Each structure stands twice: as structure tokens, then as C-alpha cells.
């Protein structure tokens, strides 16, 4: 059962990472449209969540 729990947690972390990256990309796109700015690339962070550490999350700069 422990192996199953690890797999589920891995899936949850991946889903949280994808959702958060998508949400942040949407926010920066909306901001850039309103302010006629440009993107400065990405940087990576490893935030902690209630589901554990999310490795290599891409954040728009």
C-alpha cells in the first residue's frame, strides 16, 4: 500500500505543479497585455506545499 501512496502523491504533485505554472502564466499574460510589457524569461523555484516540495517549478520573470 505504501508504494501506491507514493505513486498517488507523485501524481498530485505533478498536477499541482502544472496547475500553478498554468495559473501564473495566465496572470503574466494578462498583465503584459494590459501594460504592453515583455517577458524576461523563466526561473525555477522549489516551493513547499501541503503535498510536499514541488521541484523545478517554472516561474515567469
PDB file of N, CA and C in Angstrom:
ATOM      1  N   UNK A   1       0.823  -1.199   0.000  1.00  0.00           N
ATOM      2  CA  UNK A   1       0.000   0.000   0.000  1.00  0.00           C
ATOM      3  C   UNK A   1       0.868   1.264   0.000  1.00  0.00           C
ATOM      4  N   UNK A   2       2.019   1.212   0.622  1.00  0.00           N
ATOM      5  CA  UNK A   2       2.888   2.379   0.690  1.00  0.00           C
ATOM      6  C   UNK A   2       3.357   2.792  -0.709  1.00  0.00           C
ATOM      7  N   UNK A   3       3.649   1.850  -1.565  1.00  0.00           N
ATOM      8  CA  UNK A   3       4.060   2.151  -2.938  1.00  0.00           C
ATOM      9  C   UNK A   3       2.928   2.856  -3.689  1.00  0.00           C
ATOM     10  N   UNK A   4       1.703   2.423  -3.477  1.00  0.00           N
ATOM     11  CA  UNK A   4       0.541   3.050  -4.091  1.00  0.00           C
ATOM     12  C   UNK A   4       0.402   4.492  -3.628  1.00  0.00           C
ATOM     13  N   UNK A   5       0.588   4.728  -2.328  1.00  0.00           N
ATOM     14  CA  UNK A   5       0.509   6.080  -1.774  1.00  0.00           C
ATOM     15  C   UNK A   5       1.569   6.995  -2.383  1.00  0.00           C
ATOM     16  N   UNK A   6       2.767   6.469  -2.587  1.00  0.00           N
ATOM     17  CA  UNK A   6       3.840   7.257  -3.191  1.00  0.00           C
ATOM     18  C   UNK A   6       3.482   7.643  -4.620  1.00  0.00           C
ATOM     19  N   UNK A   7       2.910   6.721  -5.368  1.00  0.00           N
ATOM     20  CA  UNK A   7       2.518   6.995  -6.750  1.00  0.00           C
ATOM     21  C   UNK A   7       1.428   8.068  -6.801  1.00  0.00           C
ATOM     22  N   UNK A   8       0.448   7.948  -5.913  1.00  0.00           N
ATOM     23  CA  UNK A   8      -0.636   8.938  -5.858  1.00  0.00           C
ATOM     24  C   UNK A   8      -0.075  10.316  -5.511  1.00  0.00           C
ATOM     25  N   UNK A   9       0.800  10.383  -4.525  1.00  0.00           N
ATOM     26  CA  UNK A   9       1.410  11.655  -4.132  1.00  0.00           C
ATOM     27  C   UNK A   9       2.216  12.254  -5.286  1.00  0.00           C
ATOM     28  N   UNK A  10       2.908  11.428  -6.028  1.00  0.00           N
ATOM     29  CA  UNK A  10       3.669  11.876  -7.189  1.00  0.00           C
ATOM     30  C   UNK A  10       2.737  12.489  -8.249  1.00  0.00           C
ATOM     31  N   UNK A  11       1.613  11.849  -8.491  1.00  0.00           N
ATOM     32  CA  UNK A  11       0.626  12.346  -9.455  1.00  0.00           C
ATOM     33  C   UNK A  11       0.042  13.678  -8.975  1.00  0.00           C
ATOM     34  N   UNK A  12      -0.260  13.767  -7.686  1.00  0.00           N
ATOM     35  CA  UNK A  12      -0.817  15.004  -7.122  1.00  0.00           C
ATOM     36  C   UNK A  12       0.186  16.140  -7.253  1.00  0.00           C
ATOM     37  N   UNK A  13       1.453  15.891  -6.935  1.00  0.00           N
ATOM     38  CA  UNK A  13       2.479  16.931  -7.049  1.00  0.00           C
ATOM     39  C   UNK A  13       2.618  17.413  -8.485  1.00  0.00           C
ATOM     40  N   UNK A  14       2.614  16.479  -9.429  1.00  0.00           N
ATOM     41  CA  UNK A  14       2.727  16.852 -10.838  1.00  0.00           C
ATOM     42  C   UNK A  14       1.532  17.705 -11.261  1.00  0.00           C
ATOM     43  N   UNK A  15       0.340  17.321 -10.825  1.00  0.00           N
ATOM     44  CA  UNK A  15      -0.867  18.075 -11.164  1.00  0.00           C
ATOM     45  C   UNK A  15      -0.839  19.467 -10.542  1.00  0.00           C
ATOM     46  N   UNK A  16      -0.417  19.575  -9.298  1.00  0.00           N
ATOM     47  CA  UNK A  16      -0.317  20.877  -8.625  1.00  0.00           C
ATOM     48  C   UNK A  16       0.699  21.756  -9.346  1.00  0.00           C
ATOM     49  N   UNK A  17       1.834  21.182  -9.712  1.00  0.00           N
ATOM     50  CA  UNK A  17       2.867  21.933 -10.424  1.00  0.00           C
ATOM     51  C   UNK A  17       2.322  22.473 -11.750  1.00  0.00           C
ATOM     52  N   UNK A  18       1.686  21.624 -12.532  1.00  0.00           N
ATOM     53  CA  UNK A  18       1.144  22.044 -13.828  1.00  0.00           C
ATOM     54  C   UNK A  18       0.072  23.125 -13.661  1.00  0.00           C
ATOM     55  N   UNK A  19      -0.789  22.965 -12.658  1.00  0.00           N
ATOM     56  CA  UNK A  19      -1.844  23.944 -12.418  1.00  0.00           C
ATOM     57  C   UNK A  19      -1.260  25.298 -12.013  1.00  0.00           C
ATOM     58  N   UNK A  20      -0.306  25.286 -11.095  1.00  0.00           N
ATOM     59  CA  UNK A  20       0.285  26.534 -10.617  1.00  0.00           C
ATOM     60  C   UNK A  20       1.054  27.244 -11.734  1.00  0.00           C
ATOM     61  N   UNK A  21       1.804  26.483 -12.547  1.00  0.00           N
ATOM     62  CA  UNK A  21       2.520  27.096 -13.667  1.00  0.00           C
ATOM     63  C   UNK A  21       1.539  27.710 -14.663  1.00  0.00           C
ATOM     64  N   UNK A  22       0.464  27.000 -14.939  1.00  0.00           N
ATOM     65  CA  UNK A  22      -0.549  27.496 -15.866  1.00  0.00           C
ATOM     66  C   UNK A  22      -1.207  28.765 -15.327  1.00  0.00           C
ATOM     67  N   UNK A  23      -1.539  28.769 -14.062  1.00  0.00           N
ATOM     68  CA  UNK A  23      -2.156  29.924 -13.422  1.00  0.00           C
ATOM     69  C   UNK A  23      -1.228  31.140 -13.479  1.00  0.00           C
ATOM     70  N   UNK A  24       0.039  30.937 -13.146  1.00  0.00           N
ATOM     71  CA  UNK A  24       0.986  32.051 -13.162  1.00  0.00           C
ATOM     72  C   UNK A  24       1.232  32.553 -14.584  1.00  0.00           C
ATOM     73  N   UNK A  25       1.277  31.641 -15.559  1.00  0.00           N
ATOM     74  CA  UNK A  25       1.447  32.070 -16.951  1.00  0.00           C
ATOM     75  C   UNK A  25       0.257  32.897 -17.410  1.00  0.00           C
ATOM     76  N   UNK A  26      -0.946  32.508 -17.018  1.00  0.00           N
ATOM     77  CA  UNK A  26      -2.137  33.273 -17.358  1.00  0.00           C
ATOM     78  C   UNK A  26      -2.101  34.666 -16.760  1.00  0.00           C
ATOM     79  N   UNK A  27      -1.650  34.759 -15.516  1.00  0.00           N
ATOM     80  CA  UNK A  27      -1.555  36.062 -14.860  1.00  0.00           C
ATOM     81  C   UNK A  27      -0.549  36.969 -15.555  1.00  0.00           C
ATOM     82  N   UNK A  28       0.614  36.437 -15.893  1.00  0.00           N
ATOM     83  CA  UNK A  28       1.634  37.279 -16.525  1.00  0.00           C
ATOM     84  C   UNK A  28       1.189  37.688 -17.925  1.00  0.00           C
ATOM     85  N   UNK A  29       0.506  36.805 -18.643  1.00  0.00           N
ATOM     86  CA  UNK A  29      -0.002  37.150 -19.973  1.00  0.00           C
ATOM     87  C   UNK A  29      -1.016  38.291 -19.884  1.00  0.00           C
ATOM     88  N   UNK A  30      -1.916  38.212 -18.928  1.00  0.00           N
ATOM     89  CA  UNK A  30      -2.921  39.264 -18.744  1.00  0.00           C
ATOM     90  C   UNK A  30      -2.246  40.583 -18.374  1.00  0.00           C
ATOM     91  N   UNK A  31      -1.272  40.518 -17.497  1.00  0.00           N
ATOM     92  CA  UNK A  31      -0.556  41.726 -17.099  1.00  0.00           C
ATOM     93  C   UNK A  31       0.166  42.355 -18.290  1.00  0.00           C
ATOM     94  N   UNK A  32       0.847  41.522 -19.077  1.00  0.00           N
ATOM     95  CA  UNK A  32       1.603  42.039 -20.222  1.00  0.00           C
ATOM     96  C   UNK A  32       0.683  42.640 -21.277  1.00  0.00           C
ATOM     97  N   UNK A  33      -0.487  42.070 -21.460  1.00  0.00           N
ATOM     98  CA  UNK A  33      -1.448  42.635 -22.417  1.00  0.00           C
ATOM     99  C   UNK A  33      -1.909  44.024 -21.977  1.00  0.00           C
ATOM    100  N   UNK A  34      -2.172  44.176 -20.694  1.00  0.00           N
ATOM    101  CA  UNK A  34      -2.652  45.457 -20.169  1.00  0.00           C
ATOM    102  C   UNK A  34      -1.555  46.512 -20.127  1.00  0.00           C
ATOM    103  N   UNK A  35      -0.315  46.093 -19.897  1.00  0.00           N
ATOM    104  CA  UNK A  35       0.777  47.046 -19.676  1.00  0.00           C
ATOM    105  C   UNK A  35       1.790  47.090 -20.815  1.00  0.00           C
ATOM    106  N   UNK A  36       1.519  46.404 -21.888  1.00  0.00           N
ATOM    107  CA  UNK A  36       2.381  46.389 -23.072  1.00  0.00           C
ATOM    108  C   UNK A  36       3.841  46.156 -22.700  1.00  0.00           C
ATOM    109  N   UNK A  37       4.053  45.167 -21.884  1.00  0.00           N
ATOM    110  CA  UNK A  37       5.405  44.843 -21.441  1.00  0.00           C
ATOM    111  C   UNK A  37       5.969  43.643 -22.181  1.00  0.00           C
ATOM    112  N   UNK A  38       7.104  43.192 -21.728  1.00  0.00           N
ATOM    113  CA  UNK A  38       7.717  41.999 -22.307  1.00  0.00           C
ATOM    114  C   UNK A  38       8.183  41.073 -21.192  1.00  0.00           C
ATOM    115  N   UNK A  39       8.315  39.836 -21.539  1.00  0.00           N
ATOM    116  CA  UNK A  39       8.685  38.798 -20.585  1.00  0.00           C
ATOM    117  C   UNK A  39      10.206  38.711 -20.501  1.00  0.00           C
ATOM    118  N   UNK A  40      10.710  38.426 -19.327  1.00  0.00           N
ATOM    119  CA  UNK A  40      12.149  38.307 -19.112  1.00  0.00           C
ATOM    120  C   UNK A  40      12.601  36.864 -18.948  1.00  0.00           C
ATOM    121  N   UNK A  41      11.824  35.916 -19.420  1.00  0.00           N
ATOM    122  CA  UNK A  41      12.210  34.519 -19.304  1.00  0.00           C
ATOM    123  C   UNK A  41      11.597  33.846 -18.088  1.00  0.00           C
ATOM    124  N   UNK A  42      12.256  32.797 -17.635  1.00  0.00           N
ATOM    125  CA  UNK A  42      11.766  31.995 -16.514  1.00  0.00           C
ATOM    126  C   UNK A  42      12.871  31.785 -15.492  1.00  0.00           C
ATOM    127  N   UNK A  43      12.476  31.487 -14.295  1.00  0.00           N
ATOM    128  CA  UNK A  43      13.401  30.989 -13.288  1.00  0.00           C
ATOM    129  C   UNK A  43      12.697  29.852 -12.568  1.00  0.00           C
ATOM    130  N   UNK A  44      13.457  29.025 -11.905  1.00  0.00           N
ATOM    131  CA  UNK A  44      12.870  27.859 -11.242  1.00  0.00           C
ATOM    132  C   UNK A  44      12.916  28.017  -9.736  1.00  0.00           C
ATOM    133  N   UNK A  45      11.882  27.520  -9.099  1.00  0.00           N
ATOM    134  CA  UNK A  45      11.769  27.507  -7.641  1.00  0.00           C
ATOM    135  C   UNK A  45      11.296  26.129  -7.200  1.00  0.00           C
ATOM    136  N   UNK A  46      11.525  25.828  -5.940  1.00  0.00           N
ATOM    137  CA  UNK A  46      11.089  24.566  -5.346  1.00  0.00           C
ATOM    138  C   UNK A  46      10.193  24.857  -4.138  1.00  0.00           C
ATOM    139  N   UNK A  47       8.955  25.320  -4.400  1.00  0.00           N
ATOM    140  CA  UNK A  47       8.094  25.690  -3.271  1.00  0.00           C
ATOM    141  C   UNK A  47       7.598  24.471  -2.492  1.00  0.00           C
ATOM    142  N   UNK A  48       7.375  24.685  -1.222  1.00  0.00           N
ATOM    143  CA  UNK A  48       6.770  23.653  -0.387  1.00  0.00           C
ATOM    144  C   UNK A  48       5.257  23.823  -0.393  1.00  0.00           C
ATOM    145  N   UNK A  49       4.538  22.727  -0.475  1.00  0.00           N
ATOM    146  CA  UNK A  49       3.083  22.758  -0.449  1.00  0.00           C
ATOM    147  C   UNK A  49       2.596  21.753   0.583  1.00  0.00           C
ATOM    148  N   UNK A  50       1.316  21.704   0.767  1.00  0.00           N
ATOM    149  CA  UNK A  50       0.770  20.718   1.702  1.00  0.00           C
ATOM    150  C   UNK A  50       0.961  19.293   1.189  1.00  0.00           C
ATOM    151  N   UNK A  51       1.319  19.159  -0.098  1.00  0.00           N
ATOM    152  CA  UNK A  51       1.545  17.849  -0.718  1.00  0.00           C
ATOM    153  C   UNK A  51       3.022  17.516  -0.806  1.00  0.00           C
ATOM    154  N   UNK A  52       3.853  18.378  -0.258  1.00  0.00           N
ATOM    155  CA  UNK A  52       5.291  18.176  -0.298  1.00  0.00           C
ATOM    156  C   UNK A  52       5.952  19.207  -1.191  1.00  0.00           C
ATOM    157  N   UNK A  53       7.248  19.071  -1.347  1.00  0.00           N
ATOM    158  CA  UNK A  53       8.032  20.002  -2.146  1.00  0.00           C
ATOM    159  C   UNK A  53       7.765  19.768  -3.633  1.00  0.00           C
ATOM    160  N   UNK A  54       7.535  20.854  -4.380  1.00  0.00           N
ATOM    161  CA  UNK A  54       7.345  20.795  -5.823  1.00  0.00           C
ATOM    162  C   UNK A  54       8.663  21.231  -6.459  1.00  0.00           C
ATOM    163  N   UNK A  55       9.349  20.323  -7.099  1.00  0.00           N
ATOM    164  CA  UNK A  55      10.663  20.611  -7.662  1.00  0.00           C
ATOM    165  C   UNK A  55      10.575  21.256  -9.044  1.00  0.00           C
ATOM    166  N   UNK A  56      11.471  22.215  -9.261  1.00  0.00           N
ATOM    167  CA  UNK A  56      11.682  22.831 -10.583  1.00  0.00           C
ATOM    168  C   UNK A  56      10.433  23.476 -11.177  1.00  0.00           C
ATOM    169  N   UNK A  57       9.677  24.202 -10.375  1.00  0.00           N
ATOM    170  CA  UNK A  57       8.521  24.925 -10.909  1.00  0.00           C
ATOM    171  C   UNK A  57       9.021  26.129 -11.683  1.00  0.00           C
ATOM    172  N   UNK A  58       8.546  26.278 -12.922  1.00  0.00           N
ATOM    173  CA  UNK A  58       8.959  27.395 -13.783  1.00  0.00           C
ATOM    174  C   UNK A  58       8.074  28.598 -13.498  1.00  0.00           C
ATOM    175  N   UNK A  59       8.744  29.716 -13.168  1.00  0.00           N
ATOM    176  CA  UNK A  59       8.030  30.955 -12.859  1.00  0.00           C
ATOM    177  C   UNK A  59       8.467  32.009 -13.860  1.00  0.00           C
ATOM    178  N   UNK A  60       7.503  32.681 -14.476  1.00  0.00           N
ATOM    179  CA  UNK A  60       7.796  33.723 -15.460  1.00  0.00           C
ATOM    180  C   UNK A  60       8.406  34.930 -14.773  1.00  0.00           C
ATOM    181  N   UNK A  61       9.391  35.503 -15.410  1.00  0.00           N
ATOM    182  CA  UNK A  61      10.038  36.691 -14.853  1.00  0.00           C
ATOM    183  C   UNK A  61       9.751  37.903 -15.688  1.00  0.00           C
TER     184      UNK A  61
END
